[in-house]
N, C-alpha and C. Protein backbone atom coordinates (compact mmCIF):
# COMPACT_ATOMS: atom_id res chain seq x y z
N GLN A 1 12.10 7.25 14.69
CA GLN A 1 10.96 6.36 14.48
C GLN A 1 10.21 6.79 13.23
N VAL A 2 9.70 5.81 12.52
CA VAL A 2 8.96 6.06 11.28
C VAL A 2 7.54 5.55 11.46
N GLN A 3 6.59 6.33 11.00
CA GLN A 3 5.19 5.91 11.05
C GLN A 3 4.59 5.91 9.65
N LEU A 4 3.78 4.90 9.40
CA LEU A 4 3.00 4.83 8.16
C LEU A 4 1.53 4.90 8.55
N VAL A 5 0.83 5.87 8.03
CA VAL A 5 -0.57 6.07 8.37
C VAL A 5 -1.41 5.89 7.12
N GLU A 6 -2.28 4.87 7.16
CA GLU A 6 -3.13 4.56 6.03
C GLU A 6 -4.49 5.21 6.18
N SER A 7 -5.13 5.46 5.06
CA SER A 7 -6.49 5.99 5.07
C SER A 7 -7.18 5.60 3.78
N GLY A 8 -8.50 5.71 3.78
CA GLY A 8 -9.26 5.49 2.55
C GLY A 8 -10.03 4.19 2.48
N GLY A 9 -9.89 3.33 3.47
CA GLY A 9 -10.65 2.09 3.45
C GLY A 9 -12.10 2.33 3.77
N GLY A 10 -12.90 1.27 3.66
CA GLY A 10 -14.31 1.39 3.97
C GLY A 10 -15.14 0.33 3.30
N LEU A 11 -16.44 0.58 3.28
CA LEU A 11 -17.40 -0.34 2.67
C LEU A 11 -17.77 0.18 1.29
N VAL A 12 -17.73 -0.70 0.32
CA VAL A 12 -18.08 -0.31 -1.05
C VAL A 12 -18.84 -1.46 -1.70
N GLN A 13 -19.73 -1.12 -2.61
CA GLN A 13 -20.50 -2.14 -3.32
C GLN A 13 -19.65 -2.78 -4.41
N PRO A 14 -19.96 -4.01 -4.78
CA PRO A 14 -19.24 -4.63 -5.91
C PRO A 14 -19.31 -3.74 -7.15
N GLY A 15 -18.16 -3.65 -7.82
CA GLY A 15 -18.06 -2.78 -8.98
C GLY A 15 -17.62 -1.38 -8.67
N GLY A 16 -17.58 -1.04 -7.39
CA GLY A 16 -17.20 0.30 -6.98
C GLY A 16 -15.69 0.48 -6.91
N SER A 17 -15.30 1.67 -6.47
CA SER A 17 -13.88 2.03 -6.40
C SER A 17 -13.54 2.61 -5.04
N LEU A 18 -12.30 2.44 -4.67
CA LEU A 18 -11.74 3.06 -3.47
C LEU A 18 -10.30 3.48 -3.78
N ARG A 19 -9.84 4.51 -3.07
CA ARG A 19 -8.45 4.92 -3.18
C ARG A 19 -7.83 4.94 -1.79
N LEU A 20 -6.82 4.12 -1.61
CA LEU A 20 -6.11 4.08 -0.34
C LEU A 20 -4.90 5.00 -0.41
N SER A 21 -4.59 5.60 0.73
CA SER A 21 -3.39 6.43 0.85
C SER A 21 -2.58 5.97 2.03
N CYS A 22 -1.28 6.15 1.95
CA CYS A 22 -0.39 5.82 3.06
C CYS A 22 0.71 6.86 3.09
N ALA A 23 0.76 7.61 4.18
CA ALA A 23 1.75 8.67 4.34
C ALA A 23 2.80 8.25 5.36
N ALA A 24 4.05 8.40 4.99
CA ALA A 24 5.16 8.09 5.88
C ALA A 24 5.69 9.36 6.52
N SER A 25 6.02 9.26 7.80
CA SER A 25 6.58 10.40 8.51
C SER A 25 7.64 9.91 9.50
N GLY A 26 8.51 10.85 9.91
CA GLY A 26 9.55 10.50 10.85
C GLY A 26 10.91 10.89 10.34
N SER A 27 11.94 10.37 10.97
CA SER A 27 13.32 10.70 10.63
C SER A 27 13.80 9.84 9.46
N ILE A 28 13.36 10.22 8.27
CA ILE A 28 13.65 9.45 7.07
C ILE A 28 14.60 10.22 6.17
N PHE A 29 15.68 9.59 5.74
CA PHE A 29 16.54 10.22 4.75
C PHE A 29 15.92 10.05 3.37
N SER A 30 15.46 8.83 3.10
CA SER A 30 14.87 8.52 1.81
C SER A 30 14.00 7.28 1.94
N LEU A 31 12.96 7.22 1.13
CA LEU A 31 12.12 6.03 1.08
C LEU A 31 12.44 5.23 -0.17
N GLY A 32 12.58 3.94 0.00
CA GLY A 32 12.78 3.07 -1.14
C GLY A 32 11.46 2.54 -1.64
N THR A 33 11.43 1.25 -1.94
CA THR A 33 10.21 0.64 -2.44
C THR A 33 9.09 0.74 -1.41
N MET A 34 7.91 1.09 -1.91
CA MET A 34 6.70 1.12 -1.08
C MET A 34 5.70 0.17 -1.69
N GLY A 35 4.80 -0.32 -0.87
CA GLY A 35 3.85 -1.28 -1.43
C GLY A 35 2.62 -1.45 -0.59
N TRP A 36 1.70 -2.22 -1.16
CA TRP A 36 0.46 -2.58 -0.48
C TRP A 36 0.34 -4.10 -0.44
N TYR A 37 -0.09 -4.59 0.70
CA TYR A 37 -0.35 -6.01 0.91
C TYR A 37 -1.74 -6.13 1.51
N ARG A 38 -2.29 -7.33 1.47
CA ARG A 38 -3.61 -7.52 2.09
C ARG A 38 -3.67 -8.88 2.78
N GLN A 39 -4.57 -8.95 3.72
CA GLN A 39 -4.69 -10.18 4.50
C GLN A 39 -6.13 -10.39 4.92
N VAL A 40 -6.59 -11.62 4.79
CA VAL A 40 -7.89 -12.02 5.30
C VAL A 40 -7.66 -13.00 6.44
N PRO A 41 -8.60 -13.09 7.37
CA PRO A 41 -8.42 -13.99 8.52
C PRO A 41 -8.14 -15.42 8.08
N GLY A 42 -7.13 -16.01 8.70
CA GLY A 42 -6.80 -17.40 8.40
C GLY A 42 -5.89 -17.61 7.22
N LYS A 43 -5.53 -16.52 6.56
CA LYS A 43 -4.64 -16.63 5.39
C LYS A 43 -3.41 -15.76 5.59
N GLU A 44 -2.37 -16.07 4.82
CA GLU A 44 -1.15 -15.29 4.89
C GLU A 44 -1.34 -13.94 4.19
N ARG A 45 -0.56 -12.98 4.64
CA ARG A 45 -0.56 -11.68 3.99
C ARG A 45 0.00 -11.85 2.57
N GLU A 46 -0.65 -11.21 1.61
CA GLU A 46 -0.21 -11.37 0.23
C GLU A 46 0.09 -10.03 -0.42
N LEU A 47 0.98 -10.08 -1.39
CA LEU A 47 1.35 -8.89 -2.13
C LEU A 47 0.18 -8.40 -2.98
N VAL A 48 -0.04 -7.11 -2.97
CA VAL A 48 -0.99 -6.49 -3.90
C VAL A 48 -0.20 -5.78 -5.00
N ALA A 49 0.67 -4.87 -4.59
CA ALA A 49 1.47 -4.12 -5.56
C ALA A 49 2.60 -3.42 -4.85
N THR A 50 3.70 -3.20 -5.59
CA THR A 50 4.81 -2.41 -5.07
C THR A 50 5.23 -1.39 -6.12
N ILE A 51 5.94 -0.36 -5.65
CA ILE A 51 6.44 0.67 -6.56
C ILE A 51 7.76 1.18 -6.03
N THR A 52 8.76 1.24 -6.90
CA THR A 52 10.06 1.75 -6.50
C THR A 52 10.04 3.27 -6.47
N LYS A 53 11.11 3.85 -5.95
CA LYS A 53 11.18 5.30 -5.90
C LYS A 53 11.15 5.89 -7.31
N GLY A 54 11.68 5.16 -8.26
CA GLY A 54 11.68 5.63 -9.64
C GLY A 54 10.41 5.34 -10.40
N GLY A 55 9.46 4.66 -9.76
CA GLY A 55 8.16 4.46 -10.39
C GLY A 55 7.95 3.11 -11.05
N ILE A 56 8.86 2.18 -10.87
CA ILE A 56 8.67 0.85 -11.44
C ILE A 56 7.69 0.07 -10.57
N THR A 57 6.67 -0.48 -11.20
CA THR A 57 5.60 -1.14 -10.47
C THR A 57 5.60 -2.64 -10.65
N ASN A 58 5.02 -3.31 -9.68
CA ASN A 58 4.86 -4.76 -9.72
C ASN A 58 3.52 -5.08 -9.09
N TYR A 59 2.73 -5.95 -9.73
CA TYR A 59 1.39 -6.28 -9.25
C TYR A 59 1.20 -7.77 -9.11
N LYS A 60 0.34 -8.14 -8.19
CA LYS A 60 -0.20 -9.50 -8.18
C LYS A 60 -0.90 -9.68 -9.53
N ASP A 61 -0.59 -10.78 -10.19
CA ASP A 61 -1.08 -10.96 -11.56
C ASP A 61 -2.59 -10.77 -11.69
N SER A 62 -3.34 -11.32 -10.78
CA SER A 62 -4.80 -11.30 -10.89
C SER A 62 -5.40 -9.92 -10.69
N LEU A 63 -4.59 -8.96 -10.22
CA LEU A 63 -5.10 -7.62 -9.95
C LEU A 63 -4.73 -6.61 -11.04
N LYS A 64 -3.88 -7.03 -11.96
CA LYS A 64 -3.48 -6.13 -13.04
C LYS A 64 -4.70 -5.67 -13.83
N GLY A 65 -4.75 -4.39 -14.10
CA GLY A 65 -5.87 -3.83 -14.84
C GLY A 65 -6.97 -3.27 -13.97
N ARG A 66 -7.06 -3.72 -12.73
CA ARG A 66 -8.08 -3.18 -11.81
C ARG A 66 -7.47 -2.27 -10.75
N PHE A 67 -6.27 -2.60 -10.32
CA PHE A 67 -5.60 -1.83 -9.26
C PHE A 67 -4.43 -1.06 -9.85
N THR A 68 -4.21 0.16 -9.35
CA THR A 68 -3.09 0.97 -9.80
C THR A 68 -2.38 1.57 -8.60
N ILE A 69 -1.08 1.33 -8.51
CA ILE A 69 -0.29 1.90 -7.43
C ILE A 69 0.46 3.11 -7.96
N SER A 70 0.59 4.13 -7.12
CA SER A 70 1.34 5.32 -7.49
C SER A 70 1.94 5.92 -6.22
N ARG A 71 2.82 6.89 -6.38
CA ARG A 71 3.43 7.51 -5.20
C ARG A 71 3.78 8.96 -5.52
N ASP A 72 3.83 9.73 -4.45
CA ASP A 72 4.27 11.12 -4.51
C ASP A 72 5.50 11.20 -3.61
N ASN A 73 6.67 11.24 -4.21
CA ASN A 73 7.90 11.23 -3.42
C ASN A 73 8.05 12.49 -2.56
N ALA A 74 7.55 13.59 -3.04
CA ALA A 74 7.65 14.83 -2.26
C ALA A 74 6.82 14.76 -0.99
N LYS A 75 5.77 13.97 -1.02
CA LYS A 75 4.87 13.84 0.14
C LYS A 75 5.10 12.54 0.91
N ASN A 76 6.08 11.74 0.46
CA ASN A 76 6.33 10.43 1.11
C ASN A 76 5.04 9.62 1.22
N THR A 77 4.27 9.62 0.16
CA THR A 77 2.96 8.99 0.18
C THR A 77 2.81 8.02 -0.99
N VAL A 78 2.18 6.89 -0.70
CA VAL A 78 1.86 5.91 -1.73
C VAL A 78 0.35 5.74 -1.78
N TYR A 79 -0.16 5.50 -2.97
CA TYR A 79 -1.60 5.37 -3.18
C TYR A 79 -1.91 4.03 -3.83
N LEU A 80 -3.15 3.59 -3.63
CA LEU A 80 -3.64 2.41 -4.33
C LEU A 80 -5.05 2.71 -4.81
N GLN A 81 -5.19 2.85 -6.11
CA GLN A 81 -6.51 3.05 -6.71
C GLN A 81 -7.07 1.68 -7.06
N MET A 82 -8.23 1.37 -6.50
CA MET A 82 -8.85 0.06 -6.69
C MET A 82 -10.19 0.26 -7.41
N ASN A 83 -10.31 -0.31 -8.59
CA ASN A 83 -11.53 -0.19 -9.39
C ASN A 83 -12.17 -1.55 -9.60
N SER A 84 -13.42 -1.54 -9.99
CA SER A 84 -14.16 -2.78 -10.26
C SER A 84 -13.99 -3.77 -9.11
N LEU A 85 -14.21 -3.29 -7.92
CA LEU A 85 -13.95 -4.13 -6.75
C LEU A 85 -14.92 -5.31 -6.68
N LYS A 86 -14.38 -6.41 -6.16
CA LYS A 86 -15.13 -7.65 -6.03
C LYS A 86 -15.18 -8.06 -4.56
N PRO A 87 -16.17 -8.86 -4.18
CA PRO A 87 -16.23 -9.32 -2.79
C PRO A 87 -14.93 -9.99 -2.34
N GLU A 88 -14.25 -10.67 -3.24
CA GLU A 88 -13.00 -11.34 -2.85
C GLU A 88 -11.85 -10.37 -2.60
N ASP A 89 -12.04 -9.09 -2.87
CA ASP A 89 -11.05 -8.09 -2.53
C ASP A 89 -11.16 -7.65 -1.06
N THR A 90 -12.19 -8.13 -0.39
CA THR A 90 -12.36 -7.80 1.01
C THR A 90 -11.18 -8.30 1.83
N ALA A 91 -10.55 -7.40 2.58
CA ALA A 91 -9.37 -7.74 3.36
C ALA A 91 -8.93 -6.51 4.15
N VAL A 92 -7.98 -6.73 5.03
CA VAL A 92 -7.27 -5.61 5.63
C VAL A 92 -6.06 -5.31 4.74
N TYR A 93 -5.94 -4.07 4.32
CA TYR A 93 -4.87 -3.66 3.43
C TYR A 93 -3.78 -2.95 4.25
N TYR A 94 -2.56 -3.40 4.06
CA TYR A 94 -1.42 -2.87 4.80
C TYR A 94 -0.45 -2.17 3.85
N CYS A 95 0.05 -1.06 4.30
CA CYS A 95 1.09 -0.33 3.59
C CYS A 95 2.45 -0.78 4.12
N ASN A 96 3.42 -0.84 3.22
CA ASN A 96 4.79 -1.22 3.59
C ASN A 96 5.76 -0.25 2.93
N ALA A 97 6.84 0.08 3.63
CA ALA A 97 7.84 0.98 3.04
C ALA A 97 9.21 0.68 3.62
N ARG A 98 10.22 0.80 2.76
CA ARG A 98 11.60 0.67 3.22
C ARG A 98 12.14 2.09 3.43
N ALA A 99 12.61 2.36 4.65
CA ALA A 99 13.13 3.68 4.98
C ALA A 99 14.64 3.61 5.14
N TYR A 100 15.35 4.50 4.46
CA TYR A 100 16.79 4.63 4.58
C TYR A 100 17.10 5.81 5.48
N PHE A 101 18.18 5.66 6.30
CA PHE A 101 18.41 6.66 7.33
C PHE A 101 19.61 7.55 7.09
N ASP A 102 20.40 7.25 6.05
CA ASP A 102 21.50 8.15 5.70
C ASP A 102 21.89 7.95 4.24
N SER A 103 22.80 8.76 3.77
CA SER A 103 23.14 8.78 2.35
C SER A 103 23.93 7.56 1.89
N THR A 104 24.38 6.74 2.81
CA THR A 104 25.08 5.52 2.39
C THR A 104 24.09 4.44 1.93
N TYR A 105 22.85 4.60 2.31
CA TYR A 105 21.80 3.61 2.01
C TYR A 105 22.14 2.23 2.59
N SER A 106 22.98 2.20 3.59
CA SER A 106 23.32 0.93 4.22
C SER A 106 22.51 0.67 5.48
N ARG A 107 21.89 1.71 5.99
CA ARG A 107 21.04 1.56 7.18
C ARG A 107 19.60 1.76 6.76
N PHE A 108 18.80 0.71 6.92
CA PHE A 108 17.41 0.79 6.52
C PHE A 108 16.58 -0.17 7.36
N LEU A 109 15.31 0.09 7.41
CA LEU A 109 14.34 -0.79 8.05
C LEU A 109 13.07 -0.80 7.22
N ASP A 110 12.35 -1.89 7.30
CA ASP A 110 11.05 -2.00 6.65
C ASP A 110 9.95 -1.76 7.67
N TYR A 111 8.99 -0.94 7.30
CA TYR A 111 7.90 -0.59 8.20
C TYR A 111 6.55 -0.99 7.62
N TRP A 112 5.61 -1.21 8.55
CA TRP A 112 4.23 -1.54 8.17
C TRP A 112 3.27 -0.54 8.78
N GLY A 113 2.22 -0.26 8.06
CA GLY A 113 1.14 0.53 8.63
C GLY A 113 0.25 -0.34 9.50
N GLN A 114 -0.75 0.30 10.10
CA GLN A 114 -1.63 -0.42 11.02
C GLN A 114 -2.72 -1.20 10.30
N GLY A 115 -2.89 -0.94 9.03
CA GLY A 115 -3.89 -1.64 8.25
C GLY A 115 -5.19 -0.85 8.15
N THR A 116 -5.86 -0.99 7.02
CA THR A 116 -7.17 -0.36 6.82
C THR A 116 -8.10 -1.39 6.20
N GLN A 117 -9.30 -1.48 6.75
CA GLN A 117 -10.26 -2.50 6.30
C GLN A 117 -10.94 -2.05 5.01
N VAL A 118 -10.96 -2.94 4.05
CA VAL A 118 -11.73 -2.76 2.83
C VAL A 118 -12.76 -3.88 2.76
N THR A 119 -14.02 -3.51 2.68
CA THR A 119 -15.10 -4.49 2.60
C THR A 119 -15.91 -4.22 1.34
N VAL A 120 -16.03 -5.25 0.51
CA VAL A 120 -16.79 -5.14 -0.73
C VAL A 120 -18.02 -6.01 -0.59
N SER A 121 -19.16 -5.37 -0.48
CA SER A 121 -20.39 -6.10 -0.22
C SER A 121 -21.59 -5.26 -0.64
N SER A 122 -22.64 -5.96 -1.08
CA SER A 122 -23.88 -5.27 -1.42
C SER A 122 -24.82 -5.23 -0.22
């Protein structure tokens, strides 16, 4: 079993910053692409950013320049640095990771964290 544990959410004023972390644990041979998604009530979950094991990143266009995704492969951890936060960034942020279970890379599953609330409000 694989677990993703997120941390770092909370309440922040507009213009402020937060850093989210997501640590993966369990019987993992290797982690592939990791990412962050967010969801507000009544809307579909949307991509925020992803990062491959080699460090190639992909962002929702409107978030480029404010959000930065990074990862520490030795710690099986992905981060999301969020700057210049706006009220519309308020959402539950979810971590996602693809876990491979052996060296063939043919057995894998995608996992989600439990979500962490980010609220941007004065």
